[in-house]
Amino acid sequence: MDLTHEVSNGLLVIRPGSRIDSGTAGAFETRCTALISEGPAKVIVDFSNVDYISSAGLRALLIAAKKAKSLGGALTLCGLSGSVREVMAVSGFDTILGAHASVPDAAAALG
């Protein structure tokens, strides 16, 4: 699973690679929950480089969001486009987690 991250202004920004599917969702979940455990628990997942997410990917994202919440933080999304934006809208994840245009917009939403 291609994934980068950075900590900036008390926020964890996670940037997954091009696909989160049944073959990569487990690694995505493991990496995200480990990073969230290390802190900070306010998390932005930047989907700018993601062109596909499956139901397995949605499940992994939900587990990461629950991990952040259990540590007193929150997880939100940004950079959604194309079919990924459509999947997030149909599943309601854009409403549940929040969907923002950019990392700065997501950071403002997390406070």
N, C-alpha and C. Protein backbone atom coordinates (compact mmCIF):
# COMPACT_ATOMS: atom_id res chain seq x y z
N MET A 1 0.85 -1.19 0.00
CA MET A 1 0.00 0.00 0.00
C MET A 1 0.89 1.23 0.00
N ASP A 2 0.75 2.01 -1.03
CA ASP A 2 1.48 3.27 -1.13
C ASP A 2 0.76 4.31 -0.28
N LEU A 3 1.44 4.82 0.74
CA LEU A 3 0.82 5.76 1.66
C LEU A 3 1.90 6.64 2.26
N THR A 4 1.67 7.94 2.26
CA THR A 4 2.58 8.86 2.94
C THR A 4 1.79 9.59 4.01
N HIS A 5 2.51 10.19 4.93
CA HIS A 5 1.85 10.96 5.99
C HIS A 5 2.76 12.07 6.47
N GLU A 6 2.16 13.03 7.13
CA GLU A 6 2.91 14.10 7.79
C GLU A 6 2.09 14.60 8.96
N VAL A 7 2.78 15.17 9.92
CA VAL A 7 2.13 15.82 11.05
C VAL A 7 2.41 17.31 10.90
N SER A 8 1.33 18.09 10.88
CA SER A 8 1.46 19.53 10.68
C SER A 8 0.42 20.25 11.52
N ASN A 9 0.86 21.19 12.33
CA ASN A 9 -0.05 21.99 13.17
C ASN A 9 -0.99 21.13 14.01
N GLY A 10 -0.47 20.06 14.58
CA GLY A 10 -1.27 19.20 15.44
C GLY A 10 -2.25 18.30 14.72
N LEU A 11 -2.06 18.16 13.41
CA LEU A 11 -2.94 17.30 12.61
C LEU A 11 -2.12 16.24 11.90
N LEU A 12 -2.68 15.05 11.79
CA LEU A 12 -2.07 13.97 11.02
C LEU A 12 -2.72 13.98 9.64
N VAL A 13 -1.90 14.15 8.61
CA VAL A 13 -2.41 14.13 7.24
C VAL A 13 -1.90 12.84 6.58
N ILE A 14 -2.84 11.99 6.17
CA ILE A 14 -2.53 10.71 5.54
C ILE A 14 -2.89 10.82 4.06
N ARG A 15 -1.94 10.42 3.20
CA ARG A 15 -2.16 10.48 1.75
C ARG A 15 -1.97 9.09 1.14
N PRO A 16 -3.09 8.37 0.95
CA PRO A 16 -2.98 7.05 0.31
C PRO A 16 -2.68 7.18 -1.18
N GLY A 17 -2.20 6.06 -1.76
CA GLY A 17 -1.87 6.01 -3.19
C GLY A 17 -3.10 5.89 -4.06
N SER A 18 -2.98 5.23 -5.18
CA SER A 18 -4.01 5.30 -6.21
C SER A 18 -5.25 4.44 -5.98
N ARG A 19 -5.17 3.37 -5.23
CA ARG A 19 -6.32 2.48 -5.04
C ARG A 19 -6.40 1.99 -3.60
N ILE A 20 -7.62 1.91 -3.10
CA ILE A 20 -7.86 1.23 -1.82
C ILE A 20 -8.94 0.20 -2.12
N ASP A 21 -8.49 -1.03 -2.31
CA ASP A 21 -9.40 -2.11 -2.70
C ASP A 21 -9.17 -3.31 -1.79
N SER A 22 -9.76 -4.45 -2.15
CA SER A 22 -9.65 -5.63 -1.29
C SER A 22 -8.20 -6.08 -1.11
N GLY A 23 -7.34 -5.77 -2.07
CA GLY A 23 -5.94 -6.15 -1.97
C GLY A 23 -5.10 -5.22 -1.13
N THR A 24 -5.55 -3.97 -0.95
CA THR A 24 -4.75 -2.98 -0.22
C THR A 24 -5.43 -2.47 1.05
N ALA A 25 -6.71 -2.76 1.22
CA ALA A 25 -7.46 -2.20 2.35
C ALA A 25 -6.89 -2.64 3.71
N GLY A 26 -6.46 -3.89 3.82
CA GLY A 26 -5.89 -4.36 5.08
C GLY A 26 -4.65 -3.59 5.47
N ALA A 27 -3.76 -3.38 4.51
CA ALA A 27 -2.54 -2.61 4.78
C ALA A 27 -2.88 -1.16 5.09
N PHE A 28 -3.86 -0.60 4.38
CA PHE A 28 -4.30 0.77 4.63
C PHE A 28 -4.82 0.91 6.06
N GLU A 29 -5.67 -0.02 6.47
CA GLU A 29 -6.23 -0.01 7.83
C GLU A 29 -5.13 -0.12 8.88
N THR A 30 -4.21 -1.05 8.69
CA THR A 30 -3.12 -1.27 9.65
C THR A 30 -2.25 -0.03 9.78
N ARG A 31 -1.85 0.54 8.65
CA ARG A 31 -0.99 1.74 8.68
C ARG A 31 -1.71 2.93 9.30
N CYS A 32 -2.97 3.14 8.91
CA CYS A 32 -3.72 4.28 9.45
C CYS A 32 -3.92 4.17 10.96
N THR A 33 -4.36 3.01 11.42
CA THR A 33 -4.60 2.87 12.86
C THR A 33 -3.31 2.99 13.66
N ALA A 34 -2.20 2.50 13.11
CA ALA A 34 -0.91 2.65 13.80
C ALA A 34 -0.51 4.12 13.87
N LEU A 35 -0.66 4.84 12.77
CA LEU A 35 -0.31 6.26 12.75
C LEU A 35 -1.19 7.05 13.71
N ILE A 36 -2.48 6.75 13.73
CA ILE A 36 -3.40 7.45 14.62
C ILE A 36 -3.06 7.15 16.07
N SER A 37 -2.66 5.92 16.37
CA SER A 37 -2.28 5.56 17.74
C SER A 37 -1.07 6.36 18.21
N GLU A 38 -0.15 6.64 17.28
CA GLU A 38 1.04 7.43 17.61
C GLU A 38 0.69 8.90 17.81
N GLY A 39 -0.41 9.34 17.21
CA GLY A 39 -0.89 10.71 17.36
C GLY A 39 -0.32 11.64 16.31
N PRO A 40 -0.95 12.74 16.15
CA PRO A 40 -2.17 13.20 16.81
C PRO A 40 -3.41 12.47 16.29
N ALA A 41 -4.51 12.61 17.07
CA ALA A 41 -5.73 11.90 16.73
C ALA A 41 -6.68 12.72 15.86
N LYS A 42 -6.31 13.96 15.53
CA LYS A 42 -7.08 14.73 14.54
C LYS A 42 -6.46 14.40 13.19
N VAL A 43 -7.27 13.78 12.32
CA VAL A 43 -6.75 13.16 11.11
C VAL A 43 -7.46 13.66 9.86
N ILE A 44 -6.66 13.96 8.84
CA ILE A 44 -7.18 14.28 7.51
C ILE A 44 -6.67 13.20 6.57
N VAL A 45 -7.58 12.58 5.83
CA VAL A 45 -7.18 11.65 4.80
C VAL A 45 -7.37 12.36 3.46
N ASP A 46 -6.26 12.62 2.81
CA ASP A 46 -6.24 13.35 1.54
C ASP A 46 -6.33 12.35 0.39
N PHE A 47 -7.46 12.35 -0.30
CA PHE A 47 -7.72 11.40 -1.38
C PHE A 47 -7.32 11.94 -2.75
N SER A 48 -6.50 12.97 -2.81
CA SER A 48 -6.12 13.58 -4.08
C SER A 48 -5.50 12.59 -5.07
N ASN A 49 -4.80 11.58 -4.57
CA ASN A 49 -4.14 10.61 -5.44
C ASN A 49 -4.88 9.29 -5.57
N VAL A 50 -6.08 9.21 -4.99
CA VAL A 50 -6.84 7.96 -5.00
C VAL A 50 -7.85 8.00 -6.13
N ASP A 51 -7.81 6.98 -6.99
CA ASP A 51 -8.75 6.93 -8.10
C ASP A 51 -9.80 5.83 -7.95
N TYR A 52 -9.72 5.05 -6.86
CA TYR A 52 -10.69 3.98 -6.65
C TYR A 52 -10.71 3.59 -5.18
N ILE A 53 -11.92 3.37 -4.64
CA ILE A 53 -12.07 2.82 -3.30
C ILE A 53 -13.22 1.81 -3.33
N SER A 54 -12.98 0.64 -2.76
CA SER A 54 -13.99 -0.42 -2.71
C SER A 54 -14.67 -0.42 -1.34
N SER A 55 -15.63 -1.32 -1.18
CA SER A 55 -16.30 -1.45 0.12
C SER A 55 -15.29 -1.86 1.20
N ALA A 56 -14.29 -2.64 0.84
CA ALA A 56 -13.25 -3.01 1.81
C ALA A 56 -12.47 -1.75 2.24
N GLY A 57 -12.25 -0.86 1.31
CA GLY A 57 -11.59 0.41 1.63
C GLY A 57 -12.44 1.28 2.53
N LEU A 58 -13.74 1.30 2.28
CA LEU A 58 -14.65 2.06 3.14
C LEU A 58 -14.63 1.52 4.56
N ARG A 59 -14.62 0.20 4.68
CA ARG A 59 -14.57 -0.43 6.00
C ARG A 59 -13.29 -0.03 6.73
N ALA A 60 -12.16 -0.06 6.03
CA ALA A 60 -10.89 0.32 6.63
C ALA A 60 -10.91 1.78 7.06
N LEU A 61 -11.52 2.64 6.26
CA LEU A 61 -11.63 4.05 6.58
C LEU A 61 -12.49 4.25 7.83
N LEU A 62 -13.58 3.50 7.93
CA LEU A 62 -14.45 3.59 9.09
C LEU A 62 -13.73 3.14 10.36
N ILE A 63 -12.94 2.10 10.27
CA ILE A 63 -12.16 1.63 11.43
C ILE A 63 -11.16 2.70 11.85
N ALA A 64 -10.51 3.34 10.88
CA ALA A 64 -9.56 4.41 11.20
C ALA A 64 -10.27 5.58 11.88
N ALA A 65 -11.46 5.92 11.39
CA ALA A 65 -12.24 7.01 12.00
C ALA A 65 -12.64 6.68 13.42
N LYS A 66 -13.04 5.44 13.65
CA LYS A 66 -13.40 5.01 15.01
C LYS A 66 -12.19 5.06 15.94
N LYS A 67 -11.02 4.71 15.43
CA LYS A 67 -9.79 4.76 16.22
C LYS A 67 -9.50 6.20 16.63
N ALA A 68 -9.59 7.12 15.68
CA ALA A 68 -9.35 8.53 15.98
C ALA A 68 -10.34 9.03 17.04
N LYS A 69 -11.61 8.68 16.87
CA LYS A 69 -12.64 9.11 17.83
C LYS A 69 -12.38 8.54 19.21
N SER A 70 -11.94 7.29 19.28
CA SER A 70 -11.69 6.65 20.58
C SER A 70 -10.55 7.33 21.34
N LEU A 71 -9.70 8.03 20.60
CA LEU A 71 -8.57 8.74 21.21
C LEU A 71 -8.86 10.23 21.41
N GLY A 72 -10.13 10.60 21.25
CA GLY A 72 -10.54 11.99 21.46
C GLY A 72 -10.36 12.88 20.26
N GLY A 73 -10.11 12.30 19.11
CA GLY A 73 -9.92 13.08 17.89
C GLY A 73 -11.07 12.90 16.92
N ALA A 74 -10.76 13.12 15.67
CA ALA A 74 -11.74 12.97 14.60
C ALA A 74 -11.00 12.75 13.30
N LEU A 75 -11.71 12.21 12.31
CA LEU A 75 -11.13 11.98 10.99
C LEU A 75 -12.05 12.62 9.96
N THR A 76 -11.46 13.33 9.01
CA THR A 76 -12.22 13.92 7.92
C THR A 76 -11.49 13.70 6.61
N LEU A 77 -12.19 13.96 5.51
CA LEU A 77 -11.68 13.66 4.18
C LEU A 77 -11.48 14.93 3.37
N CYS A 78 -10.57 14.86 2.40
CA CYS A 78 -10.43 15.95 1.45
C CYS A 78 -9.91 15.39 0.13
N GLY A 79 -9.99 16.23 -0.90
CA GLY A 79 -9.43 15.87 -2.20
C GLY A 79 -10.20 14.80 -2.95
N LEU A 80 -11.49 14.66 -2.69
CA LEU A 80 -12.29 13.64 -3.37
C LEU A 80 -12.58 14.08 -4.80
N SER A 81 -12.47 13.14 -5.73
CA SER A 81 -12.82 13.46 -7.12
C SER A 81 -13.32 12.21 -7.83
N GLY A 82 -14.02 12.43 -8.92
CA GLY A 82 -14.47 11.33 -9.77
C GLY A 82 -15.27 10.28 -9.06
N SER A 83 -14.92 9.02 -9.33
CA SER A 83 -15.67 7.90 -8.78
C SER A 83 -15.52 7.80 -7.27
N VAL A 84 -14.39 8.27 -6.73
CA VAL A 84 -14.20 8.23 -5.27
C VAL A 84 -15.21 9.17 -4.60
N ARG A 85 -15.39 10.35 -5.17
CA ARG A 85 -16.38 11.30 -4.63
C ARG A 85 -17.78 10.68 -4.69
N GLU A 86 -18.08 10.01 -5.80
CA GLU A 86 -19.38 9.38 -5.97
C GLU A 86 -19.60 8.27 -4.93
N VAL A 87 -18.60 7.43 -4.71
CA VAL A 87 -18.71 6.36 -3.72
C VAL A 87 -18.91 6.94 -2.33
N MET A 88 -18.19 8.00 -2.00
CA MET A 88 -18.34 8.63 -0.67
C MET A 88 -19.73 9.23 -0.52
N ALA A 89 -20.26 9.82 -1.58
CA ALA A 89 -21.60 10.41 -1.52
C ALA A 89 -22.68 9.33 -1.38
N VAL A 90 -22.60 8.28 -2.19
CA VAL A 90 -23.60 7.22 -2.15
C VAL A 90 -23.58 6.49 -0.81
N SER A 91 -22.39 6.30 -0.25
CA SER A 91 -22.27 5.59 1.03
C SER A 91 -22.58 6.49 2.22
N GLY A 92 -22.60 7.80 2.00
CA GLY A 92 -22.84 8.74 3.10
C GLY A 92 -21.59 9.11 3.87
N PHE A 93 -20.44 8.58 3.48
CA PHE A 93 -19.21 8.87 4.20
C PHE A 93 -18.84 10.36 4.10
N ASP A 94 -19.21 11.01 3.00
CA ASP A 94 -18.90 12.43 2.88
C ASP A 94 -19.66 13.25 3.91
N THR A 95 -20.85 12.78 4.30
CA THR A 95 -21.64 13.46 5.32
C THR A 95 -21.18 13.04 6.72
N ILE A 96 -20.96 11.76 6.91
CA ILE A 96 -20.57 11.23 8.23
C ILE A 96 -19.21 11.79 8.66
N LEU A 97 -18.23 11.74 7.76
CA LEU A 97 -16.87 12.14 8.10
C LEU A 97 -16.55 13.57 7.68
N GLY A 98 -17.29 14.10 6.75
CA GLY A 98 -17.01 15.43 6.21
C GLY A 98 -16.11 15.31 5.00
N ALA A 99 -16.42 16.07 3.97
CA ALA A 99 -15.62 16.08 2.75
C ALA A 99 -15.28 17.53 2.41
N HIS A 100 -14.01 17.78 2.21
CA HIS A 100 -13.54 19.14 2.00
C HIS A 100 -12.68 19.20 0.74
N ALA A 101 -12.57 20.38 0.18
CA ALA A 101 -11.85 20.55 -1.09
C ALA A 101 -10.35 20.35 -0.94
N SER A 102 -9.79 20.78 0.20
CA SER A 102 -8.34 20.78 0.37
C SER A 102 -7.95 20.48 1.80
N VAL A 103 -6.67 20.25 2.01
CA VAL A 103 -6.16 20.02 3.36
C VAL A 103 -6.42 21.23 4.26
N PRO A 104 -6.17 22.48 3.81
CA PRO A 104 -6.48 23.62 4.68
C PRO A 104 -7.97 23.71 5.06
N ASP A 105 -8.86 23.39 4.12
CA ASP A 105 -10.29 23.41 4.42
C ASP A 105 -10.63 22.32 5.45
N ALA A 106 -10.05 21.15 5.29
CA ALA A 106 -10.28 20.06 6.24
C ALA A 106 -9.72 20.41 7.61
N ALA A 107 -8.55 21.05 7.64
CA ALA A 107 -7.94 21.45 8.90
C ALA A 107 -8.83 22.46 9.63
N ALA A 108 -9.39 23.39 8.89
CA ALA A 108 -10.29 24.38 9.51
C ALA A 108 -11.52 23.70 10.09
N ALA A 109 -12.03 22.68 9.42
CA ALA A 109 -13.20 21.95 9.91
C ALA A 109 -12.91 21.18 11.20
N LEU A 110 -11.67 20.68 11.33
CA LEU A 110 -11.29 19.94 12.53
C LEU A 110 -10.99 20.87 13.70
N GLY A 111 -10.74 22.14 13.38
CA GLY A 111 -10.48 23.13 14.43
C GLY A 111 -9.14 22.98 14.97
